[in-house]
């Protein structure tokens, strides 16, 4: 959970991390796969990024959830966290493949 349940906090933090990474809005938005206008709206606190976009931002900026006051310490399972991240960052074909693999594994049991 966010320390601050606030779009403005989230936007300011993303903007600061982007600037620290020496990326323009155009560069980051292209790498995320969103319009520059959407990223601008996020950074100004007018909207919240979709979860998959947020995870892409974390990946591109090389930061963890803890930068935003989100702790995953309760799980203490890095493999699980990595799997969840991969699923959220996956494209449609990859998600379908992951689902088939999971179904196959469940059928083996």
N, C-alpha and C. Protein backbone atom coordinates (compact mmCIF):
# COMPACT_ATOMS: atom_id res chain seq x y z
N UNK A 1 0.85 -1.18 0.00
CA UNK A 1 0.00 0.00 0.00
C UNK A 1 0.89 1.23 0.00
N UNK A 2 0.45 2.27 -0.68
CA UNK A 2 1.20 3.51 -0.72
C UNK A 2 1.22 4.15 0.66
N UNK A 3 2.35 4.79 0.97
CA UNK A 3 2.38 5.58 2.19
C UNK A 3 1.41 6.74 2.06
N UNK A 4 1.28 7.24 0.85
CA UNK A 4 0.36 8.32 0.56
C UNK A 4 -0.58 7.84 -0.53
N UNK A 5 -1.86 7.80 -0.25
CA UNK A 5 -2.84 7.40 -1.24
C UNK A 5 -3.16 8.64 -2.07
N UNK A 6 -2.22 9.02 -2.94
CA UNK A 6 -2.30 10.32 -3.54
C UNK A 6 -1.69 10.29 -4.94
N UNK A 7 -2.49 10.65 -5.95
CA UNK A 7 -2.01 10.68 -7.33
C UNK A 7 -0.87 11.68 -7.48
N UNK A 8 -0.97 12.77 -6.76
CA UNK A 8 0.06 13.80 -6.85
C UNK A 8 1.41 13.28 -6.36
N UNK A 9 1.40 12.56 -5.24
CA UNK A 9 2.63 11.98 -4.71
C UNK A 9 3.24 11.02 -5.73
N UNK A 10 2.41 10.15 -6.28
CA UNK A 10 2.88 9.16 -7.25
C UNK A 10 3.47 9.87 -8.48
N UNK A 11 2.78 10.86 -8.99
CA UNK A 11 3.24 11.58 -10.17
C UNK A 11 4.56 12.30 -9.94
N UNK A 12 4.66 12.99 -8.80
CA UNK A 12 5.89 13.71 -8.48
C UNK A 12 7.07 12.74 -8.34
N UNK A 13 6.80 11.59 -7.74
CA UNK A 13 7.86 10.61 -7.55
C UNK A 13 8.33 10.05 -8.89
N UNK A 14 7.40 9.72 -9.77
CA UNK A 14 7.76 9.21 -11.09
C UNK A 14 8.56 10.27 -11.84
N UNK A 15 8.12 11.52 -11.79
CA UNK A 15 8.82 12.60 -12.49
C UNK A 15 10.25 12.73 -11.96
N UNK A 16 10.41 12.72 -10.64
CA UNK A 16 11.74 12.87 -10.06
C UNK A 16 12.64 11.70 -10.45
N UNK A 17 12.11 10.49 -10.42
CA UNK A 17 12.91 9.32 -10.81
C UNK A 17 13.28 9.38 -12.29
N UNK A 18 12.36 9.86 -13.12
CA UNK A 18 12.64 10.00 -14.56
C UNK A 18 13.76 11.01 -14.78
N UNK A 19 13.68 12.14 -14.09
CA UNK A 19 14.71 13.17 -14.21
C UNK A 19 16.06 12.64 -13.73
N UNK A 20 16.04 11.92 -12.60
CA UNK A 20 17.28 11.33 -12.07
C UNK A 20 17.90 10.36 -13.07
N UNK A 21 17.05 9.68 -13.84
CA UNK A 21 17.52 8.72 -14.85
C UNK A 21 17.92 9.42 -16.15
N UNK A 22 17.78 10.76 -16.17
CA UNK A 22 18.13 11.57 -17.33
C UNK A 22 17.34 11.17 -18.58
N UNK A 23 16.04 10.92 -18.37
CA UNK A 23 15.15 10.59 -19.48
C UNK A 23 14.13 11.71 -19.65
N UNK A 24 13.83 12.03 -20.90
CA UNK A 24 12.76 13.00 -21.17
C UNK A 24 11.42 12.27 -21.06
N UNK A 25 10.34 13.05 -21.00
CA UNK A 25 9.01 12.42 -21.01
C UNK A 25 8.82 11.62 -22.29
N UNK A 26 9.31 12.15 -23.40
CA UNK A 26 9.16 11.46 -24.68
C UNK A 26 9.88 10.12 -24.67
N UNK A 27 11.10 10.10 -24.12
CA UNK A 27 11.87 8.85 -24.08
C UNK A 27 11.21 7.81 -23.19
N UNK A 28 10.80 8.23 -21.99
CA UNK A 28 10.18 7.28 -21.07
C UNK A 28 8.84 6.79 -21.61
N UNK A 29 8.03 7.70 -22.10
CA UNK A 29 6.71 7.29 -22.60
C UNK A 29 6.84 6.31 -23.76
N UNK A 30 7.83 6.52 -24.63
CA UNK A 30 8.04 5.59 -25.75
C UNK A 30 8.44 4.22 -25.24
N UNK A 31 9.32 4.18 -24.25
CA UNK A 31 9.78 2.90 -23.71
C UNK A 31 8.67 2.16 -22.96
N UNK A 32 7.75 2.92 -22.36
CA UNK A 32 6.63 2.32 -21.64
C UNK A 32 5.57 1.84 -22.62
N UNK A 33 5.43 2.58 -23.73
CA UNK A 33 4.39 2.26 -24.69
C UNK A 33 3.12 3.05 -24.44
N UNK A 34 3.29 4.28 -23.98
CA UNK A 34 2.14 5.16 -23.75
C UNK A 34 2.43 6.49 -24.42
N UNK A 35 1.42 7.31 -24.53
CA UNK A 35 1.63 8.62 -25.14
C UNK A 35 2.33 9.54 -24.14
N UNK A 36 3.03 10.53 -24.69
CA UNK A 36 3.69 11.50 -23.84
C UNK A 36 2.67 12.27 -23.02
N UNK A 37 1.50 12.51 -23.59
CA UNK A 37 0.43 13.22 -22.87
C UNK A 37 -0.01 12.43 -21.64
N UNK A 38 -0.16 11.09 -21.79
CA UNK A 38 -0.55 10.27 -20.64
C UNK A 38 0.50 10.34 -19.54
N UNK A 39 1.79 10.25 -19.93
CA UNK A 39 2.84 10.34 -18.93
C UNK A 39 2.82 11.71 -18.26
N UNK A 40 2.60 12.75 -19.03
CA UNK A 40 2.51 14.09 -18.46
C UNK A 40 1.37 14.17 -17.45
N UNK A 41 0.22 13.60 -17.80
CA UNK A 41 -0.92 13.59 -16.87
C UNK A 41 -0.61 12.83 -15.59
N UNK A 42 0.14 11.74 -15.72
CA UNK A 42 0.53 10.96 -14.54
C UNK A 42 1.46 11.80 -13.67
N UNK A 43 2.48 12.40 -14.29
CA UNK A 43 3.44 13.19 -13.52
C UNK A 43 2.80 14.42 -12.87
N UNK A 44 1.74 14.94 -13.45
CA UNK A 44 1.06 16.10 -12.87
C UNK A 44 -0.01 15.68 -11.86
N UNK A 45 -0.17 14.36 -11.63
CA UNK A 45 -1.13 13.88 -10.65
C UNK A 45 -2.56 13.87 -11.13
N UNK A 46 -2.76 13.92 -12.44
CA UNK A 46 -4.11 13.93 -12.98
C UNK A 46 -4.65 12.52 -13.23
N UNK A 47 -3.77 11.56 -13.35
CA UNK A 47 -4.21 10.17 -13.50
C UNK A 47 -3.16 9.24 -12.91
N UNK A 48 -3.58 8.01 -12.67
CA UNK A 48 -2.69 6.99 -12.13
C UNK A 48 -2.37 6.01 -13.26
N UNK A 49 -1.12 5.56 -13.37
CA UNK A 49 -0.81 4.62 -14.44
C UNK A 49 -1.46 3.27 -14.20
N UNK A 50 -1.76 2.58 -15.29
CA UNK A 50 -2.23 1.20 -15.18
C UNK A 50 -1.11 0.39 -14.52
N UNK A 51 -1.48 -0.69 -13.88
CA UNK A 51 -0.50 -1.49 -13.14
C UNK A 51 0.64 -1.94 -14.04
N UNK A 52 0.33 -2.44 -15.24
CA UNK A 52 1.41 -2.90 -16.11
C UNK A 52 2.32 -1.74 -16.52
N UNK A 53 1.77 -0.56 -16.74
CA UNK A 53 2.58 0.61 -17.05
C UNK A 53 3.45 1.01 -15.86
N UNK A 54 2.86 0.95 -14.68
CA UNK A 54 3.61 1.28 -13.46
C UNK A 54 4.80 0.33 -13.29
N UNK A 55 4.56 -0.96 -13.52
CA UNK A 55 5.65 -1.93 -13.39
C UNK A 55 6.72 -1.72 -14.45
N UNK A 56 6.31 -1.33 -15.65
CA UNK A 56 7.29 -1.00 -16.69
C UNK A 56 8.12 0.21 -16.27
N UNK A 57 7.47 1.20 -15.68
CA UNK A 57 8.19 2.38 -15.21
C UNK A 57 9.25 1.97 -14.18
N UNK A 58 8.86 1.12 -13.23
CA UNK A 58 9.81 0.65 -12.22
C UNK A 58 10.98 -0.04 -12.88
N UNK A 59 10.68 -0.89 -13.86
CA UNK A 59 11.73 -1.66 -14.54
C UNK A 59 12.67 -0.73 -15.31
N UNK A 60 12.12 0.17 -16.10
CA UNK A 60 12.92 1.08 -16.92
C UNK A 60 13.77 2.01 -16.04
N UNK A 61 13.19 2.50 -14.97
CA UNK A 61 13.91 3.41 -14.08
C UNK A 61 14.77 2.67 -13.07
N UNK A 62 14.69 1.35 -13.09
CA UNK A 62 15.50 0.49 -12.22
C UNK A 62 15.30 0.84 -10.74
N UNK A 63 14.03 0.91 -10.35
CA UNK A 63 13.69 1.18 -8.95
C UNK A 63 12.72 0.10 -8.46
N UNK A 64 12.62 -0.01 -7.16
CA UNK A 64 11.74 -1.01 -6.57
C UNK A 64 10.47 -0.35 -6.04
N UNK A 65 9.53 -1.18 -5.66
CA UNK A 65 8.29 -0.68 -5.09
C UNK A 65 8.52 0.11 -3.81
N UNK A 66 9.60 -0.19 -3.12
CA UNK A 66 9.88 0.51 -1.86
C UNK A 66 10.11 2.00 -2.08
N UNK A 67 10.52 2.41 -3.30
CA UNK A 67 10.66 3.84 -3.62
C UNK A 67 9.34 4.58 -3.46
N UNK A 68 8.23 3.83 -3.55
CA UNK A 68 6.90 4.43 -3.47
C UNK A 68 6.21 4.09 -2.15
N UNK A 69 6.98 3.57 -1.20
CA UNK A 69 6.40 3.23 0.09
C UNK A 69 5.64 1.93 0.09
N UNK A 70 5.89 1.10 -0.92
CA UNK A 70 5.21 -0.19 -1.02
C UNK A 70 6.19 -1.27 -0.59
N UNK A 71 5.81 -2.04 0.38
CA UNK A 71 6.68 -3.09 0.88
C UNK A 71 6.18 -4.45 0.46
N UNK A 72 7.10 -5.27 0.01
CA UNK A 72 6.77 -6.67 -0.30
C UNK A 72 7.46 -7.59 0.71
N UNK A 73 7.90 -7.00 1.82
CA UNK A 73 8.64 -7.77 2.81
C UNK A 73 7.82 -8.90 3.41
N UNK A 74 6.51 -8.75 3.49
CA UNK A 74 5.69 -9.79 4.09
C UNK A 74 5.78 -11.10 3.32
N UNK A 75 5.91 -11.01 1.99
CA UNK A 75 5.99 -12.23 1.20
C UNK A 75 7.36 -12.88 1.32
N UNK A 76 8.41 -12.06 1.39
CA UNK A 76 9.77 -12.55 1.47
C UNK A 76 10.01 -13.69 0.48
N UNK A 77 9.40 -13.58 -0.68
CA UNK A 77 9.55 -14.59 -1.70
C UNK A 77 9.90 -13.90 -3.01
N UNK A 78 11.20 -13.74 -3.24
CA UNK A 78 11.67 -13.02 -4.42
C UNK A 78 11.24 -13.70 -5.71
N UNK A 79 11.19 -15.03 -5.71
CA UNK A 79 10.78 -15.76 -6.90
C UNK A 79 9.33 -15.45 -7.24
N UNK A 80 8.47 -15.41 -6.24
CA UNK A 80 7.05 -15.09 -6.45
C UNK A 80 6.90 -13.66 -6.97
N UNK A 81 7.63 -12.73 -6.35
CA UNK A 81 7.56 -11.34 -6.78
C UNK A 81 8.04 -11.18 -8.22
N UNK A 82 9.10 -11.88 -8.58
CA UNK A 82 9.62 -11.82 -9.95
C UNK A 82 8.61 -12.40 -10.94
N UNK A 83 7.96 -13.51 -10.57
CA UNK A 83 6.95 -14.11 -11.43
C UNK A 83 5.77 -13.15 -11.64
N UNK A 84 5.31 -12.54 -10.58
CA UNK A 84 4.20 -11.59 -10.68
C UNK A 84 4.60 -10.42 -11.58
N UNK A 85 5.80 -9.92 -11.42
CA UNK A 85 6.27 -8.81 -12.25
C UNK A 85 6.31 -9.22 -13.72
N UNK A 86 6.83 -10.41 -14.00
CA UNK A 86 6.91 -10.89 -15.39
C UNK A 86 5.52 -11.02 -16.01
N UNK A 87 4.57 -11.51 -15.23
CA UNK A 87 3.21 -11.66 -15.76
C UNK A 87 2.61 -10.29 -16.08
N UNK A 88 2.79 -9.32 -15.19
CA UNK A 88 2.22 -7.99 -15.43
C UNK A 88 2.87 -7.28 -16.60
N UNK A 89 4.14 -7.58 -16.86
CA UNK A 89 4.84 -6.94 -17.96
C UNK A 89 4.66 -7.68 -19.28
N UNK A 90 4.04 -8.86 -19.23
CA UNK A 90 3.91 -9.72 -20.41
C UNK A 90 2.92 -9.16 -21.42
N UNK A 91 3.18 -9.49 -22.68
CA UNK A 91 2.21 -9.15 -23.73
C UNK A 91 1.15 -10.26 -23.78
N UNK A 92 0.17 -10.11 -24.62
CA UNK A 92 -0.96 -11.05 -24.67
C UNK A 92 -0.50 -12.47 -24.97
N UNK A 93 0.39 -12.64 -25.93
CA UNK A 93 0.87 -13.99 -26.27
C UNK A 93 1.61 -14.64 -25.11
N UNK A 94 2.42 -13.86 -24.42
CA UNK A 94 3.15 -14.40 -23.28
C UNK A 94 2.20 -14.79 -22.16
N UNK A 95 1.17 -14.00 -21.91
CA UNK A 95 0.20 -14.32 -20.87
C UNK A 95 -0.50 -15.64 -21.20
N UNK A 96 -0.89 -15.81 -22.45
CA UNK A 96 -1.53 -17.07 -22.86
C UNK A 96 -0.60 -18.25 -22.65
N UNK A 97 0.69 -18.07 -22.98
CA UNK A 97 1.67 -19.15 -22.77
C UNK A 97 1.83 -19.45 -21.29
N UNK A 98 1.92 -18.40 -20.45
CA UNK A 98 2.04 -18.61 -19.00
C UNK A 98 0.83 -19.37 -18.47
N UNK A 99 -0.35 -19.01 -18.94
CA UNK A 99 -1.56 -19.68 -18.48
C UNK A 99 -1.55 -21.15 -18.86
N UNK A 100 -1.13 -21.47 -20.07
CA UNK A 100 -1.05 -22.86 -20.50
C UNK A 100 -0.05 -23.65 -19.65
N UNK A 101 1.07 -23.03 -19.36
CA UNK A 101 2.08 -23.69 -18.52
C UNK A 101 1.52 -23.97 -17.13
N UNK A 102 0.85 -22.97 -16.55
CA UNK A 102 0.27 -23.15 -15.21
C UNK A 102 -0.78 -24.25 -15.22
N UNK A 103 -1.64 -24.28 -16.24
CA UNK A 103 -2.66 -25.32 -16.33
C UNK A 103 -2.02 -26.69 -16.47
N UNK A 104 -0.96 -26.79 -17.26
CA UNK A 104 -0.26 -28.06 -17.44
C UNK A 104 0.33 -28.54 -16.12
N UNK A 105 0.95 -27.64 -15.39
CA UNK A 105 1.56 -27.98 -14.10
C UNK A 105 0.47 -28.45 -13.12
N UNK A 106 -0.66 -27.75 -13.10
CA UNK A 106 -1.75 -28.15 -12.19
C UNK A 106 -2.30 -29.52 -12.55
N UNK A 107 -2.35 -29.85 -13.83
CA UNK A 107 -2.85 -31.15 -14.26
C UNK A 107 -1.89 -32.29 -13.89
N UNK A 108 -0.63 -32.00 -13.71
CA UNK A 108 0.36 -33.02 -13.35
C UNK A 108 0.13 -33.48 -11.92
N UNK A 109 -0.31 -32.60 -11.06
CA UNK A 109 -0.49 -32.92 -9.64
C UNK A 109 -1.54 -33.93 -9.45
